[in-house]
Amino acid sequence: MLVLMMAALGFGTVLIIDVGMTLVGGLKLGSLTFSELVDKVSDRVFDHDVPEAKKKPTTPVPKPRAAPQRSSGNAVEATPTARAPLEAPSPDAYARDAVVPPDPEVKAARERLDQLLRGL
């Protein structure tokens, strides 16, 4: 019995609110209806009236080439591709030859730390 009463109460509440909003939505407020005014306010609140930023055109990403197909048992040889004129240095040579300028902030922090340690 309680479940039936709760279902009837819920149905009646939704029905009254729906019919009431339909009647109120048709009311004219100047040149707009109430429902149009509510839509405009919700668009303004949720920023639906702001134009979207122009999207940058995307450049198509080249697809990797498929392996050459064999035709009637004959192997198709791949054509050589152009390579960079110089080979990359080994990691040891790169680390040895890389010149990293000292960071002035790190140097100042070390001097400050040394000064604090001398004061102890």
Protein backbone atom coordinates (compact mmCIF):
# COMPACT_ATOMS: atom_id res chain seq x y z
CA MET A 1 0.00 0.00 0.00
CA LEU A 2 2.84 2.34 0.90
CA VAL A 3 4.61 1.65 -2.41
CA LEU A 4 1.44 2.37 -4.40
CA MET A 5 0.91 5.65 -2.55
CA MET A 6 4.53 6.70 -3.16
CA ALA A 7 4.23 5.82 -6.88
CA ALA A 8 0.96 7.81 -7.16
CA LEU A 9 2.52 10.77 -5.33
CA GLY A 10 5.57 10.71 -7.61
CA PHE A 11 3.48 10.43 -10.75
CA GLY A 12 1.20 13.27 -9.65
CA THR A 13 4.15 15.53 -8.78
CA VAL A 14 5.83 14.95 -12.12
CA LEU A 15 2.54 15.45 -13.97
CA ILE A 16 1.79 18.72 -12.18
CA ILE A 17 5.31 20.07 -12.75
CA ASP A 18 5.29 19.03 -16.42
CA VAL A 19 1.90 20.57 -17.15
CA GLY A 20 2.78 23.68 -15.14
CA MET A 21 6.04 24.19 -17.04
CA THR A 22 4.23 23.71 -20.36
CA LEU A 23 1.68 26.38 -19.43
CA VAL A 24 4.27 28.78 -17.99
CA GLY A 25 6.63 28.13 -20.93
CA GLY A 26 4.02 29.47 -23.35
CA LEU A 27 3.63 32.79 -21.51
CA LYS A 28 4.73 35.79 -23.55
CA LEU A 29 7.26 38.14 -21.97
CA GLY A 30 7.60 40.88 -24.55
CA SER A 31 8.74 39.28 -27.80
CA LEU A 32 9.97 36.08 -26.10
CA THR A 33 8.19 33.21 -24.43
CA PHE A 34 9.21 32.08 -20.96
CA SER A 35 10.77 28.87 -22.33
CA GLU A 36 12.90 30.83 -24.83
CA LEU A 37 14.03 33.10 -22.00
CA VAL A 38 15.00 30.09 -19.88
CA ASP A 39 16.91 28.63 -22.86
CA LYS A 40 18.79 31.91 -23.39
CA VAL A 41 19.69 32.15 -19.71
CA SER A 42 20.92 28.55 -19.62
CA ASP A 43 22.98 29.14 -22.80
CA ARG A 44 24.56 32.20 -21.18
CA VAL A 45 25.25 30.41 -17.89
CA PHE A 46 26.77 27.32 -19.51
CA ASP A 47 28.66 29.34 -22.21
CA HIS A 48 26.83 27.78 -25.14
CA ASP A 49 26.55 31.25 -26.72
CA VAL A 50 30.35 31.71 -26.92
CA PRO A 51 31.73 30.85 -30.36
CA GLU A 52 34.21 27.99 -30.41
CA ALA A 53 37.85 28.66 -31.22
CA LYS A 54 38.91 27.90 -34.75
CA LYS A 55 40.54 24.53 -34.96
CA LYS A 56 43.89 24.29 -36.68
CA PRO A 57 43.85 22.14 -39.77
CA THR A 58 45.56 18.88 -39.04
CA THR A 59 48.23 17.60 -41.35
CA PRO A 60 47.68 14.04 -42.45
CA VAL A 61 50.08 11.59 -40.87
CA PRO A 62 51.79 9.45 -43.49
CA LYS A 63 50.98 5.79 -43.16
CA PRO A 64 53.86 3.33 -43.00
CA ARG A 65 54.53 1.53 -46.20
CA ALA A 66 53.43 -2.04 -46.46
CA ALA A 67 55.98 -4.72 -47.17
CA PRO A 68 56.39 -5.44 -50.86
CA GLN A 69 54.07 -8.14 -52.13
CA ARG A 70 55.40 -11.26 -53.76
CA SER A 71 54.00 -11.90 -57.16
CA SER A 72 54.09 -15.39 -58.60
CA GLY A 73 56.98 -16.53 -56.42
CA ASN A 74 59.44 -13.81 -57.50
CA ALA A 75 60.85 -11.71 -54.68
CA VAL A 76 60.52 -7.97 -55.19
CA GLU A 77 63.62 -6.10 -54.07
CA ALA A 78 63.10 -2.92 -52.09
CA THR A 79 64.65 0.23 -53.48
CA PRO A 80 67.23 1.87 -51.20
CA THR A 81 66.09 5.02 -49.46
CA ALA A 82 68.15 8.16 -48.93
CA ARG A 83 69.89 8.33 -45.56
CA ALA A 84 71.44 11.13 -43.57
CA PRO A 85 75.00 11.93 -44.70
CA LEU A 86 76.51 11.48 -41.21
CA GLU A 87 76.05 8.67 -38.79
CA ALA A 88 74.96 9.40 -35.24
CA PRO A 89 77.77 9.47 -32.65
CA SER A 90 77.97 6.76 -30.04
CA PRO A 91 76.42 7.59 -26.66
CA ASP A 92 79.86 7.72 -25.01
CA ALA A 93 81.23 10.14 -27.61
CA TYR A 94 78.12 12.29 -27.38
CA ALA A 95 78.33 12.49 -23.56
CA ARG A 96 82.06 13.29 -23.77
CA ASP A 97 81.65 16.02 -26.40
CA ALA A 98 78.46 17.59 -25.04
CA VAL A 99 79.12 20.99 -23.51
CA VAL A 100 76.66 21.88 -20.75
CA PRO A 101 77.01 25.44 -19.42
CA PRO A 102 76.84 25.66 -15.62
CA ASP A 103 73.51 26.82 -14.25
CA PRO A 104 73.95 30.08 -12.26
CA GLU A 105 71.13 29.13 -9.88
CA VAL A 106 72.80 25.81 -9.05
CA LYS A 107 76.14 27.56 -8.55
CA ALA A 108 74.56 30.14 -6.21
CA ALA A 109 72.77 27.40 -4.26
CA ARG A 110 76.03 25.46 -3.79
CA GLU A 111 77.82 28.59 -2.60
CA ARG A 112 75.00 29.30 -0.14
CA LEU A 113 75.10 25.71 1.13
CA ASP A 114 78.88 25.88 1.56
CA GLN A 115 78.51 29.14 3.45
CA LEU A 116 75.89 27.61 5.76
CA LEU A 117 78.02 24.52 6.39
CA ARG A 118 81.07 26.65 7.25
CA GLY A 119 78.94 28.55 9.79
CA LEU A 120 78.17 25.42 11.80
